[in-house]
Structure formats: C-alpha cells, structure tokens
C-alpha atoms as a PDB file:
ATOM      1  CA  UNK A   1     -14.079 -38.807  -4.642  1.00  0.00           C
ATOM      2  CA  UNK A   2     -14.603 -35.539  -3.832  1.00  0.00           C
ATOM      3  CA  UNK A   3     -18.005 -33.179  -5.381  1.00  0.00           C
ATOM      4  CA  UNK A   4     -16.342 -29.400  -5.590  1.00  0.00           C
ATOM      5  CA  UNK A   5     -20.141 -29.289  -6.069  1.00  0.00           C
ATOM      6  CA  UNK A   6     -21.034 -30.389  -2.637  1.00  0.00           C
ATOM      7  CA  UNK A   7     -19.831 -28.454   0.311  1.00  0.00           C
ATOM      8  CA  UNK A   8     -18.428 -30.805   3.533  1.00  0.00           C
ATOM      9  CA  UNK A   9     -18.616 -28.893   4.309  1.00  0.00           C
ATOM     10  CA  UNK A  10      -6.680 -21.607  20.411  1.00  0.00           C
ATOM     11  CA  UNK A  11      -5.590 -22.393  22.513  1.00  0.00           C
ATOM     12  CA  UNK A  12      -7.473 -23.748  25.590  1.00  0.00           C
ATOM     13  CA  UNK A  13      -6.023 -24.894  29.187  1.00  0.00           C
ATOM     14  CA  UNK A  14      -7.180 -26.521  31.940  1.00  0.00           C
ATOM     15  CA  UNK A  15     -10.486 -28.514  31.723  1.00  0.00           C
ATOM     16  CA  UNK A  16     -12.500 -28.756  28.487  1.00  0.00           C
ATOM     17  CA  UNK A  17     -15.607 -26.862  29.686  1.00  0.00           C
ATOM     18  CA  UNK A  18     -17.353 -24.341  27.576  1.00  0.00           C
ATOM     19  CA  UNK A  19     -17.371 -21.572  30.169  1.00  0.00           C
ATOM     20  CA  UNK A  20     -13.264 -22.369  30.057  1.00  0.00           C
ATOM     21  CA  UNK A  21     -12.819 -21.447  26.701  1.00  0.00           C
ATOM     22  CA  UNK A  22      -9.824 -19.484  26.210  1.00  0.00           C
ATOM     23  CA  UNK A  23      -8.666 -17.299  22.679  1.00  0.00           C
ATOM     24  CA  UNK A  24      -6.159 -18.309  20.811  1.00  0.00           C
ATOM     25  CA  UNK A  25      -4.598 -14.313  20.603  1.00  0.00           C
ATOM     26  CA  UNK A  26      -3.431 -12.225  22.809  1.00  0.00           C
ATOM     27  CA  UNK A  27      -1.981  -9.605  21.067  1.00  0.00           C
ATOM     28  CA  UNK A  28      -3.912  -5.900  22.995  1.00  0.00           C
ATOM     29  CA  UNK A  29      -6.530  -4.240  21.029  1.00  0.00           C
ATOM     30  CA  UNK A  30      -4.931  -1.315  19.877  1.00  0.00           C
ATOM     31  CA  UNK A  31      -5.092   1.026  16.338  1.00  0.00           C
ATOM     32  CA  UNK A  32      -1.603   0.019  15.393  1.00  0.00           C
ATOM     33  CA  UNK A  33      -3.329  -3.753  14.438  1.00  0.00           C
ATOM     34  CA  UNK A  34      -4.873  -3.534  11.446  1.00  0.00           C
ATOM     35  CA  UNK A  35      -7.149  -5.547   8.979  1.00  0.00           C
ATOM     36  CA  UNK A  36      -6.409  -6.393   5.735  1.00  0.00           C
ATOM     37  CA  UNK A  37      -8.992  -7.435   3.106  1.00  0.00           C
ATOM     38  CA  UNK A  38      -8.608 -10.780   1.119  1.00  0.00           C
ATOM     39  CA  UNK A  39     -10.360 -12.448  -1.433  1.00  0.00           C
ATOM     40  CA  UNK A  40     -12.183 -16.160  -1.491  1.00  0.00           C
ATOM     41  CA  UNK A  41     -11.570 -16.902  -4.595  1.00  0.00           C
ATOM     42  CA  UNK A  42     -15.225 -19.509  -4.068  1.00  0.00           C
ATOM     43  CA  UNK A  43     -16.556 -16.230  -5.006  1.00  0.00           C
ATOM     44  CA  UNK A  44     -15.322 -17.217  -9.103  1.00  0.00           C
ATOM     45  CA  UNK A  45     -16.318 -20.331  -8.277  1.00  0.00           C
ATOM     46  CA  UNK A  46     -18.627 -21.344 -11.276  1.00  0.00           C
ATOM     47  CA  UNK A  47     -16.585 -19.106 -13.567  1.00  0.00           C
ATOM     48  CA  UNK A  48     -13.393 -21.232 -11.878  1.00  0.00           C
ATOM     49  CA  UNK A  49     -14.930 -24.333 -13.005  1.00  0.00           C
ATOM     50  CA  UNK A  50     -16.479 -24.046 -16.027  1.00  0.00           C
ATOM     51  CA  UNK A  51     -12.831 -22.786 -17.852  1.00  0.00           C
ATOM     52  CA  UNK A  52     -14.534 -19.576 -18.340  1.00  0.00           C
ATOM     53  CA  UNK A  53     -11.501 -17.771 -16.446  1.00  0.00           C
ATOM     54  CA  UNK A  54      -8.182 -18.769 -14.428  1.00  0.00           C
ATOM     55  CA  UNK A  55      -6.206 -18.207 -11.013  1.00  0.00           C
ATOM     56  CA  UNK A  56      -4.169 -15.958 -12.768  1.00  0.00           C
ATOM     57  CA  UNK A  57      -6.773 -14.101 -13.977  1.00  0.00           C
ATOM     58  CA  UNK A  58      -8.149 -13.959 -10.537  1.00  0.00           C
ATOM     59  CA  UNK A  59      -5.109 -12.515  -9.227  1.00  0.00           C
ATOM     60  CA  UNK A  60      -4.989  -9.946 -12.027  1.00  0.00           C
ATOM     61  CA  UNK A  61      -8.220  -8.696 -11.012  1.00  0.00           C
ATOM     62  CA  UNK A  62      -7.841  -8.734  -6.913  1.00  0.00           C
ATOM     63  CA  UNK A  63      -4.437  -6.515  -7.802  1.00  0.00           C
ATOM     64  CA  UNK A  64      -6.909  -4.270  -9.592  1.00  0.00           C
ATOM     65  CA  UNK A  65      -9.443  -4.032  -7.510  1.00  0.00           C
ATOM     66  CA  UNK A  66      -6.628  -3.153  -4.645  1.00  0.00           C
ATOM     67  CA  UNK A  67      -7.582  -6.388  -2.474  1.00  0.00           C
ATOM     68  CA  UNK A  68      -4.208  -6.210   0.151  1.00  0.00           C
ATOM     69  CA  UNK A  69      -5.069 -10.864  -0.575  1.00  0.00           C
ATOM     70  CA  UNK A  70      -6.080 -13.720  -2.001  1.00  0.00           C
ATOM     71  CA  UNK A  71      -7.248 -16.621  -0.517  1.00  0.00           C
ATOM     72  CA  UNK A  72      -6.339 -19.322  -3.339  1.00  0.00           C
ATOM     73  CA  UNK A  73      -8.211 -22.205  -2.659  1.00  0.00           C
ATOM     74  CA  UNK A  74      -7.379 -25.249  -3.335  1.00  0.00           C
ATOM     75  CA  UNK A  75     -10.086 -26.888  -5.711  1.00  0.00           C
ATOM     76  CA  UNK A  76      -9.072 -24.023  -8.860  1.00  0.00           C
ATOM     77  CA  UNK A  77      -5.480 -25.576  -9.049  1.00  0.00           C
ATOM     78  CA  UNK A  78      -4.879 -28.473 -11.949  1.00  0.00           C
ATOM     79  CA  UNK A  79      -5.417 -31.728 -11.365  1.00  0.00           C
ATOM     80  CA  UNK A  80      -7.376 -31.373  -8.149  1.00  0.00           C
ATOM     81  CA  UNK A  81      -7.329 -33.431  -5.421  1.00  0.00           C
ATOM     82  CA  UNK A  82      -3.782 -34.068  -6.367  1.00  0.00           C
ATOM     83  CA  UNK A  83      -1.177 -31.794  -5.501  1.00  0.00           C
ATOM     84  CA  UNK A  84      -0.817 -29.531  -8.207  1.00  0.00           C
ATOM     85  CA  UNK A  85       3.371 -29.233  -9.522  1.00  0.00           C
ATOM     86  CA  UNK A  86       5.963 -27.012  -8.200  1.00  0.00           C
ATOM     87  CA  UNK A  87       5.753 -25.162 -11.211  1.00  0.00           C
ATOM     88  CA  UNK A  88       2.452 -24.201 -11.031  1.00  0.00           C
ATOM     89  CA  UNK A  89       2.423 -23.687  -7.448  1.00  0.00           C
ATOM     90  CA  UNK A  90       5.511 -21.416  -7.295  1.00  0.00           C
ATOM     91  CA  UNK A  91       3.621 -19.498 -10.820  1.00  0.00           C
ATOM     92  CA  UNK A  92       1.136 -18.586  -8.283  1.00  0.00           C
ATOM     93  CA  UNK A  93       3.342 -17.245  -6.011  1.00  0.00           C
ATOM     94  CA  UNK A  94       5.560 -15.103  -7.816  1.00  0.00           C
ATOM     95  CA  UNK A  95       2.937 -13.106 -10.092  1.00  0.00           C
ATOM     96  CA  UNK A  96       1.118 -12.562  -6.029  1.00  0.00           C
ATOM     97  CA  UNK A  97       3.999 -11.266  -5.081  1.00  0.00           C
ATOM     98  CA  UNK A  98       4.580  -9.315  -8.396  1.00  0.00           C
ATOM     99  CA  UNK A  99       0.787  -7.490  -8.636  1.00  0.00           C
ATOM    100  CA  UNK A 100       1.335  -6.915  -4.090  1.00  0.00           C
ATOM    101  CA  UNK A 101      -0.663  -9.180  -3.200  1.00  0.00           C
ATOM    102  CA  UNK A 102      -0.826 -11.632  -0.052  1.00  0.00           C
ATOM    103  CA  UNK A 103      -1.798 -14.799  -0.334  1.00  0.00           C
ATOM    104  CA  UNK A 104      -3.871 -15.230   3.099  1.00  0.00           C
ATOM    105  CA  UNK A 105      -4.872 -19.096   3.076  1.00  0.00           C
ATOM    106  CA  UNK A 106      -6.050 -21.649   0.563  1.00  0.00           C
ATOM    107  CA  UNK A 107      -8.691 -24.223   1.798  1.00  0.00           C
ATOM    108  CA  UNK A 108      -9.777 -27.761   0.549  1.00  0.00           C
ATOM    109  CA  UNK A 109     -12.588 -30.016   1.134  1.00  0.00           C
ATOM    110  CA  UNK A 110     -12.576 -32.784   4.038  1.00  0.00           C
ATOM    111  CA  UNK A 111     -15.028 -35.313   5.295  1.00  0.00           C
ATOM    112  CA  UNK A 112     -13.921 -36.642   8.857  1.00  0.00           C
ATOM    113  CA  UNK A 113     -17.439 -37.654  10.078  1.00  0.00           C
ATOM    114  CA  UNK A 114     -17.320 -41.384   8.755  1.00  0.00           C
ATOM    115  CA  UNK A 115     -16.688 -44.227  10.531  1.00  0.00           C
ATOM    116  CA  UNK A 116     -14.269 -45.855   8.909  1.00  0.00           C
ATOM    117  CA  UNK A 117     -11.243 -45.276   9.986  1.00  0.00           C
ATOM    118  CA  UNK A 118      -9.352 -46.382   6.698  1.00  0.00           C
ATOM    119  CA  UNK A 119     -11.234 -43.668   4.813  1.00  0.00           C
ATOM    120  CA  UNK A 120     -10.544 -40.897   7.657  1.00  0.00           C
ATOM    121  CA  UNK A 121      -7.419 -41.955   7.262  1.00  0.00           C
ATOM    122  CA  UNK A 122      -6.881 -41.299   3.639  1.00  0.00           C
ATOM    123  CA  UNK A 123      -8.951 -37.671   4.541  1.00  0.00           C
ATOM    124  CA  UNK A 124      -5.695 -37.217   6.558  1.00  0.00           C
ATOM    125  CA  UNK A 125      -3.390 -38.370   4.285  1.00  0.00           C
ATOM    126  CA  UNK A 126      -4.947 -35.652   2.093  1.00  0.00           C
ATOM    127  CA  UNK A 127      -4.825 -32.329   4.724  1.00  0.00           C
ATOM    128  CA  UNK A 128      -1.138 -33.425   5.398  1.00  0.00           C
ATOM    129  CA  UNK A 129      -0.160 -33.158   1.515  1.00  0.00           C
ATOM    130  CA  UNK A 130      -1.702 -29.717   0.937  1.00  0.00           C
ATOM    131  CA  UNK A 131      -0.560 -28.460   3.834  1.00  0.00           C
ATOM    132  CA  UNK A 132       3.107 -28.968   2.285  1.00  0.00           C
ATOM    133  CA  UNK A 133       1.324 -27.212  -0.411  1.00  0.00           C
ATOM    134  CA  UNK A 134      -0.023 -24.551   1.283  1.00  0.00           C
ATOM    135  CA  UNK A 135       3.795 -24.071   2.943  1.00  0.00           C
ATOM    136  CA  UNK A 136       5.143 -24.438  -0.594  1.00  0.00           C
ATOM    137  CA  UNK A 137       2.425 -21.521  -1.466  1.00  0.00           C
ATOM    138  CA  UNK A 138       3.095 -19.066   1.276  1.00  0.00           C
ATOM    139  CA  UNK A 139      -0.289 -19.071   2.872  1.00  0.00           C
ATOM    140  CA  UNK A 140       0.178 -19.007   6.470  1.00  0.00           C
ATOM    141  CA  UNK A 141      -3.693 -20.784   7.011  1.00  0.00           C
ATOM    142  CA  UNK A 142      -5.059 -24.230   5.546  1.00  0.00           C
ATOM    143  CA  UNK A 143      -9.368 -24.352   5.783  1.00  0.00           C
ATOM    144  CA  UNK A 144     -10.683 -28.099   5.860  1.00  0.00           C
ATOM    145  CA  UNK A 145     -13.838 -29.324   7.430  1.00  0.00           C
ATOM    146  CA  UNK A 146     -15.361 -31.606   9.220  1.00  0.00           C
ATOM    147  CA  UNK A 147     -17.461 -33.214   8.027  1.00  0.00           C
ATOM    148  CA  UNK A 148     -21.063 -32.678   6.507  1.00  0.00           C
ATOM    149  CA  UNK A 149     -23.375 -34.816   8.790  1.00  0.00           C
ATOM    150  CA  UNK A 150     -23.612 -37.460  12.101  1.00  0.00           C
ATOM    151  CA  UNK A 151     -23.921 -41.037  10.422  1.00  0.00           C
ATOM    152  CA  UNK A 152     -26.712 -42.960  10.830  1.00  0.00           C
ATOM    153  CA  UNK A 153     -26.619 -44.674  14.500  1.00  0.00           C
ATOM    154  CA  UNK A 154     -23.730 -42.867  15.852  1.00  0.00           C
ATOM    155  CA  UNK A 155     -23.819 -39.519  18.083  1.00  0.00           C
ATOM    156  CA  UNK A 156     -22.692 -35.929  17.492  1.00  0.00           C
ATOM    157  CA  UNK A 157     -20.533 -36.901  20.415  1.00  0.00           C
ATOM    158  CA  UNK A 158     -18.820 -40.146  19.187  1.00  0.00           C
ATOM    159  CA  UNK A 159     -18.618 -38.841  16.066  1.00  0.00           C
ATOM    160  CA  UNK A 160     -16.728 -35.145  17.657  1.00  0.00           C
ATOM    161  CA  UNK A 161     -13.954 -37.197  18.810  1.00  0.00           C
ATOM    162  CA  UNK A 162     -13.096 -38.913  15.429  1.00  0.00           C
ATOM    163  CA  UNK A 163     -12.944 -35.564  14.542  1.00  0.00           C
ATOM    164  CA  UNK A 164     -10.558 -34.353  17.042  1.00  0.00           C
ATOM    165  CA  UNK A 165      -8.147 -37.330  17.328  1.00  0.00           C
ATOM    166  CA  UNK A 166      -7.465 -36.965  13.135  1.00  0.00           C
ATOM    167  CA  UNK A 167      -7.585 -33.362  13.376  1.00  0.00           C
ATOM    168  CA  UNK A 168      -4.927 -33.252  15.864  1.00  0.00           C
ATOM    169  CA  UNK A 169      -2.414 -35.663  13.561  1.00  0.00           C
ATOM    170  CA  UNK A 170      -3.242 -32.894  10.647  1.00  0.00           C
ATOM    171  CA  UNK A 171      -1.957 -30.215  13.103  1.00  0.00           C
ATOM    172  CA  UNK A 172       0.646 -31.998  14.433  1.00  0.00           C
ATOM    173  CA  UNK A 173       1.782 -31.896  10.290  1.00  0.00           C
ATOM    174  CA  UNK A 174       0.797 -28.444   9.965  1.00  0.00           C
ATOM    175  CA  UNK A 175       3.286 -27.152  12.865  1.00  0.00           C
ATOM    176  CA  UNK A 176       6.268 -28.871  11.545  1.00  0.00           C
ATOM    177  CA  UNK A 177       5.775 -26.885   7.689  1.00  0.00           C
ATOM    178  CA  UNK A 178       4.509 -23.827   9.680  1.00  0.00           C
ATOM    179  CA  UNK A 179       1.143 -23.983   8.032  1.00  0.00           C
ATOM    180  CA  UNK A 180      -2.008 -23.530  10.884  1.00  0.00           C
ATOM    181  CA  UNK A 181      -5.031 -25.995   9.920  1.00  0.00           C
ATOM    182  CA  UNK A 182      -8.449 -24.020  10.561  1.00  0.00           C
ATOM    183  CA  UNK A 183     -11.682 -25.562  10.484  1.00  0.00           C
ATOM    184  CA  UNK A 184     -14.780 -23.231   8.902  1.00  0.00           C
ATOM    185  CA  UNK A 185     -18.201 -23.374  10.239  1.00  0.00           C
ATOM    186  CA  UNK A 186     -20.623 -24.398   7.346  1.00  0.00           C
ATOM    187  CA  UNK A 187     -23.607 -25.937   9.271  1.00  0.00           C
ATOM    188  CA  UNK A 188     -22.703 -28.961   8.013  1.00  0.00           C
ATOM    189  CA  UNK A 189     -21.687 -31.163  11.468  1.00  0.00           C
ATOM    190  CA  UNK A 190     -20.832 -27.819  13.184  1.00  0.00           C
ATOM    191  CA  UNK A 191     -23.752 -25.867  13.563  1.00  0.00           C
ATOM    192  CA  UNK A 192     -23.632 -24.100  16.571  1.00  0.00           C
ATOM    193  CA  UNK A 193     -20.900 -21.683  18.051  1.00  0.00           C
ATOM    194  CA  UNK A 194     -20.312 -24.362  21.913  1.00  0.00           C
ATOM    195  CA  UNK A 195     -19.501 -27.533  19.326  1.00  0.00           C
ATOM    196  CA  UNK A 196     -16.861 -25.045  17.507  1.00  0.00           C
ATOM    197  CA  UNK A 197     -15.846 -24.434  21.294  1.00  0.00           C
ATOM    198  CA  UNK A 198     -16.107 -27.302  22.029  1.00  0.00           C
ATOM    199  CA  UNK A 199     -13.439 -29.192  18.982  1.00  0.00           C
ATOM    200  CA  UNK A 200     -11.096 -26.123  19.910  1.00  0.00           C
ATOM    201  CA  UNK A 201     -10.414 -27.065  23.433  1.00  0.00           C
ATOM    202  CA  UNK A 202     -10.016 -30.322  22.886  1.00  0.00           C
ATOM    203  CA  UNK A 203      -7.706 -30.183  19.747  1.00  0.00           C
ATOM    204  CA  UNK A 204      -5.394 -27.549  22.048  1.00  0.00           C
ATOM    205  CA  UNK A 205      -3.188 -26.450  19.962  1.00  0.00           C
ATOM    206  CA  UNK A 206      -2.045 -22.884  18.707  1.00  0.00           C
ATOM    207  CA  UNK A 207      -1.476 -24.021  15.222  1.00  0.00           C
ATOM    208  CA  UNK A 208      -5.151 -24.717  15.311  1.00  0.00           C
ATOM    209  CA  UNK A 209      -8.280 -22.676  14.809  1.00  0.00           C
ATOM    210  CA  UNK A 210     -11.427 -21.377  13.199  1.00  0.00           C
ATOM    211  CA  UNK A 211     -12.638 -19.783  10.041  1.00  0.00           C
ATOM    212  CA  UNK A 212     -14.785 -17.901  11.245  1.00  0.00           C
ATOM    213  CA  UNK A 213     -17.882 -18.123   8.431  1.00  0.00           C
ATOM    214  CA  UNK A 214     -20.074 -14.999   8.723  1.00  0.00           C
ATOM    215  CA  UNK A 215     -23.207 -16.881   7.093  1.00  0.00           C
ATOM    216  CA  UNK A 216     -22.927 -20.210   8.341  1.00  0.00           C
ATOM    217  CA  UNK A 217     -24.839 -19.785  12.090  1.00  0.00           C
ATOM    218  CA  UNK A 218     -27.940 -20.459  11.097  1.00  0.00           C
ATOM    219  CA  UNK A 219     -29.136 -22.481  14.292  1.00  0.00           C
ATOM    220  CA  UNK A 220     -29.312 -19.407  16.710  1.00  0.00           C
ATOM    221  CA  UNK A 221     -28.707 -15.804  16.266  1.00  0.00           C
ATOM    222  CA  UNK A 222     -25.497 -15.031  14.267  1.00  0.00           C
ATOM    223  CA  UNK A 223     -24.325 -12.793  15.366  1.00  0.00           C
ATOM    224  CA  UNK A 224     -24.291 -14.041  19.068  1.00  0.00           C
ATOM    225  CA  UNK A 225     -22.399 -16.945  17.669  1.00  0.00           C
ATOM    226  CA  UNK A 226     -20.290 -14.719  15.893  1.00  0.00           C
ATOM    227  CA  UNK A 227     -19.256 -12.753  18.764  1.00  0.00           C
ATOM    228  CA  UNK A 228     -18.989 -15.600  21.014  1.00  0.00           C
ATOM    229  CA  UNK A 229     -16.238 -17.913  19.028  1.00  0.00           C
ATOM    230  CA  UNK A 230     -14.627 -14.441  16.962  1.00  0.00           C
ATOM    231  CA  UNK A 231     -11.802 -14.434  19.461  1.00  0.00           C
ATOM    232  CA  UNK A 232     -10.917 -18.129  18.136  1.00  0.00           C
ATOM    233  CA  UNK A 233     -10.593 -16.780  14.869  1.00  0.00           C
ATOM    234  CA  UNK A 234      -7.337 -17.837  12.646  1.00  0.00           C
ATOM    235  CA  UNK A 235      -9.076 -16.078   9.487  1.00  0.00           C
ATOM    236  CA  UNK A 236     -13.057 -15.115   8.177  1.00  0.00           C
ATOM    237  CA  UNK A 237     -15.278 -15.519   5.592  1.00  0.00           C
ATOM    238  CA  UNK A 238     -17.176 -12.473   5.178  1.00  0.00           C
ATOM    239  CA  UNK A 239     -20.646 -13.243   3.239  1.00  0.00           C
ATOM    240  CA  UNK A 240     -22.953 -11.399   1.868  1.00  0.00           C
ATOM    241  CA  UNK A 241     -26.168 -12.514   4.173  1.00  0.00           C
ATOM    242  CA  UNK A 242     -26.867 -14.495   6.900  1.00  0.00           C
ATOM    243  CA  UNK A 243     -29.681 -17.126   7.577  1.00  0.00           C
ATOM    244  CA  UNK A 244     -31.667 -17.126  10.481  1.00  0.00           C
ATOM    245  CA  UNK A 245     -35.192 -18.642  11.318  1.00  0.00           C
ATOM    246  CA  UNK A 246     -35.594 -19.225   7.721  1.00  0.00           C
ATOM    247  CA  UNK A 247     -34.883 -15.421   6.950  1.00  0.00           C
ATOM    248  CA  UNK A 248     -32.186 -14.682   4.873  1.00  0.00           C
ATOM    249  CA  UNK A 249     -31.266 -11.213   5.057  1.00  0.00           C
ATOM    250  CA  UNK A 250     -27.999  -8.722   4.165  1.00  0.00           C
ATOM    251  CA  UNK A 251     -25.712  -8.874   6.761  1.00  0.00           C
ATOM    252  CA  UNK A 252     -24.898  -5.276   8.776  1.00  0.00           C
ATOM    253  CA  UNK A 253     -21.236  -4.956   7.803  1.00  0.00           C
ATOM    254  CA  UNK A 254     -20.840  -2.325  10.627  1.00  0.00           C
ATOM    255  CA  UNK A 255     -21.917  -4.143  13.276  1.00  0.00           C
ATOM    256  CA  UNK A 256     -19.508  -7.286  12.090  1.00  0.00           C
ATOM    257  CA  UNK A 257     -17.119  -5.577  12.168  1.00  0.00           C
ATOM    258  CA  UNK A 258     -17.372  -3.719  16.120  1.00  0.00           C
ATOM    259  CA  UNK A 259     -17.657  -7.352  16.731  1.00  0.00           C
ATOM    260  CA  UNK A 260     -14.244  -7.887  15.333  1.00  0.00           C
ATOM    261  CA  UNK A 261     -12.635  -5.324  16.560  1.00  0.00           C
ATOM    262  CA  UNK A 262     -13.244  -5.949  19.840  1.00  0.00           C
ATOM    263  CA  UNK A 263     -12.012  -9.145  19.396  1.00  0.00           C
ATOM    264  CA  UNK A 264      -8.193 -10.448  20.288  1.00  0.00           C
ATOM    265  CA  UNK A 265      -8.345 -11.004  16.392  1.00  0.00           C
ATOM    266  CA  UNK A 266      -6.223  -9.211  13.344  1.00  0.00           C
ATOM    267  CA  UNK A 267      -5.316  -9.748   9.921  1.00  0.00           C
ATOM    268  CA  UNK A 268      -6.631 -10.389   6.790  1.00  0.00           C
ATOM    269  CA  UNK A 269     -10.717 -10.453   6.118  1.00  0.00           C
ATOM    270  CA  UNK A 270     -11.416 -12.394   3.201  1.00  0.00           C
ATOM    271  CA  UNK A 271     -14.846 -12.106   1.968  1.00  0.00           C
ATOM    272  CA  UNK A 272     -16.893 -14.449  -0.056  1.00  0.00           C
ATOM    273  CA  UNK A 273     -20.168 -13.413  -2.248  1.00  0.00           C
ATOM    274  CA  UNK A 274     -22.550 -16.315  -3.208  1.00  0.00           C
ATOM    275  CA  UNK A 275     -24.766 -14.237  -5.043  1.00  0.00           C
ATOM    276  CA  UNK A 276     -25.724 -15.418  -8.588  1.00  0.00           C
ATOM    277  CA  UNK A 277     -24.730 -13.181 -11.508  1.00  0.00           C
ATOM    278  CA  UNK A 278     -20.819 -12.160 -12.839  1.00  0.00           C
ATOM    279  CA  UNK A 279     -18.381 -12.282  -9.633  1.00  0.00           C
ATOM    280  CA  UNK A 280     -16.056  -9.755 -12.197  1.00  0.00           C
ATOM    281  CA  UNK A 281     -19.396  -7.264 -11.412  1.00  0.00           C
ATOM    282  CA  UNK A 282     -20.412  -8.440  -8.104  1.00  0.00           C
ATOM    283  CA  UNK A 283     -17.384  -8.451  -5.990  1.00  0.00           C
ATOM    284  CA  UNK A 284     -16.187  -4.451  -6.711  1.00  0.00           C
ATOM    285  CA  UNK A 285     -19.448  -3.379  -4.554  1.00  0.00           C
ATOM    286  CA  UNK A 286     -19.406  -6.068  -2.114  1.00  0.00           C
ATOM    287  CA  UNK A 287     -15.695  -4.825  -1.536  1.00  0.00           C
ATOM    288  CA  UNK A 288     -16.711  -1.072  -1.540  1.00  0.00           C
ATOM    289  CA  UNK A 289     -19.528  -2.466   1.188  1.00  0.00           C
ATOM    290  CA  UNK A 290     -16.860  -3.743   3.648  1.00  0.00           C
ATOM    291  CA  UNK A 291     -14.038  -1.324   2.827  1.00  0.00           C
ATOM    292  CA  UNK A 292     -16.971   1.633   3.383  1.00  0.00           C
ATOM    293  CA  UNK A 293     -18.342   0.281   6.700  1.00  0.00           C
ATOM    294  CA  UNK A 294     -14.908  -0.820   7.795  1.00  0.00           C
ATOM    295  CA  UNK A 295     -13.736   2.377   7.706  1.00  0.00           C
ATOM    296  CA  UNK A 296     -16.388   3.723   9.519  1.00  0.00           C
ATOM    297  CA  UNK A 297     -16.056   1.322  12.261  1.00  0.00           C
ATOM    298  CA  UNK A 298     -12.248   2.073  12.606  1.00  0.00           C
ATOM    299  CA  UNK A 299     -12.867   5.739  13.185  1.00  0.00           C
ATOM    300  CA  UNK A 300     -15.383   4.832  15.944  1.00  0.00           C
END
C-alpha cells in the first residue's frame, strides 16, 4: 500500500504554548562537540529502486568517499514495507562496521493524517516493527512522517491530535528499544516551524524529535524556520536547494552551518541530493561543498 514514488511525506516543559518551547538537547556549545557527515541512501533512490545498485554498493561508495556514516533508509531493504530478515540486517550492519561507517539512522513512509482509526493503528504497528529493525541495525534514530495533507472536513488541529496520540505510542516503543523516533518536516501536513514545535511539545518526550529537512520549509522564509527548529533536531537532511516564494535557489551552506553551530545540536549531518543525474557523480561534488563550508564555519 505504500508507494515509494509518493512521499507521505524535546522535550517541552510546562504548558504547550509555542513561545514556551524548550530545546531537546542541552549540550554546551564548544569546539569539542563535533559534527559527522552522513549520506542519506535516498540520494540513490532511482538506481536502488531500479536494481542498478544496491545497499552494499552504497556502503562501499560511502567508505570510498570518506563519509562518517550512512542513513540506511528502509525503502531499499528487500521486501519493504515488510521487515527484512535478521540475516539481511546483520549483514549490512557488519559490513558498515568493517568499512568504518556508522549508521546514522533509518526511515520509513508513514501516513497518520487519516480519519480511520484502524488504519492509523496499522501505521503504529508498522512503525513499531521498524523500530525493532532500527535497534538491530544500530540506528539511533528512525525517521517517520505525519501525513500528506489535512483530510476533507477536518481541521489541522483535529488531525494533529490524532497524530500526536499515535506518535506517543510509537515513541514509547522506541524508548523500550533505545531508538529515537523523529518526524521529518516535509512540506506535507507539517508546513511551518510553529506546527512542528507544537507537535514536539505535545508529544513531550526525550525519545522524540525532528529530522530537520532543510529543503522543505517553503511556506515562510526558510532560514528563519530552520533557525527556529534547529534546537529540536535529532538528525538532519541537508539538501542542495531551497524552495520559497515560487523560486528555487542553492542553499547557502555556510549560513546553514552557522545556524547549526549556534544551536545545541551535535552529531550527524546526513546529506541528501535530489538533482537529476548520476548520484555516483553528483554526491561527491555536494559532499565537497558541504565539507568545505563546514570547515570554514567551524574555524570561524
């Protein structure tokens, strides 16, 4: 039922007003807190889906290019959306380790913006199964989505309440397995920073956070939206471009990394390229830009 062509695509204290939002992390901002560059496997979406490459080949590529880590997106495991076999999970985990690569996360498609409670319950069960996959894989974070849009004859707030309750159930399961559950802002049901913060506050768990997608704040000025939510990030998707006011422009990586450096976030910075063409050519070019910009920012 889940199409790979369709993207369906913390803790707050006190009351749930947006102005009272508190950051998830409390790490001191000092040079010893370093960033690690990861690759989101979705950069290889077309060749992975067509069978022209494999997760094994992507791991080899990441090691060759000097990535610190890889996001082993669930869509590319055999049989998805069914969970992969333990043999398959442990093969990739062992190979990543032998190559010196960490697993920065994994992700699945989810759709909680639906009125049917039984279908939402199926989504919760689906997430729980993949949380267990993430734990076996050694992924600290699993990426999920809220939903594509507001269903007809319902309000945003009404649907948000469904989503929050369902995510809470997923997060409780994630806590049991040591896996952080995180929603990606994806210009779908979640369009603005304030909407994202509301959901984070009301789920209200240190085992829940944001996968901050730099390319998917398109309603309001994106750098301001990124800055507002950076403190809630538990992982990232650093993309090549921004879309705003009907225009597409290259992201200012130095500006982005200044925002991230000033936030409490430390850890993986997965990149995701979406430009048409051969990712074996496109990814190394963007990786160099990311490395150079991050180096300049960290030296400043």
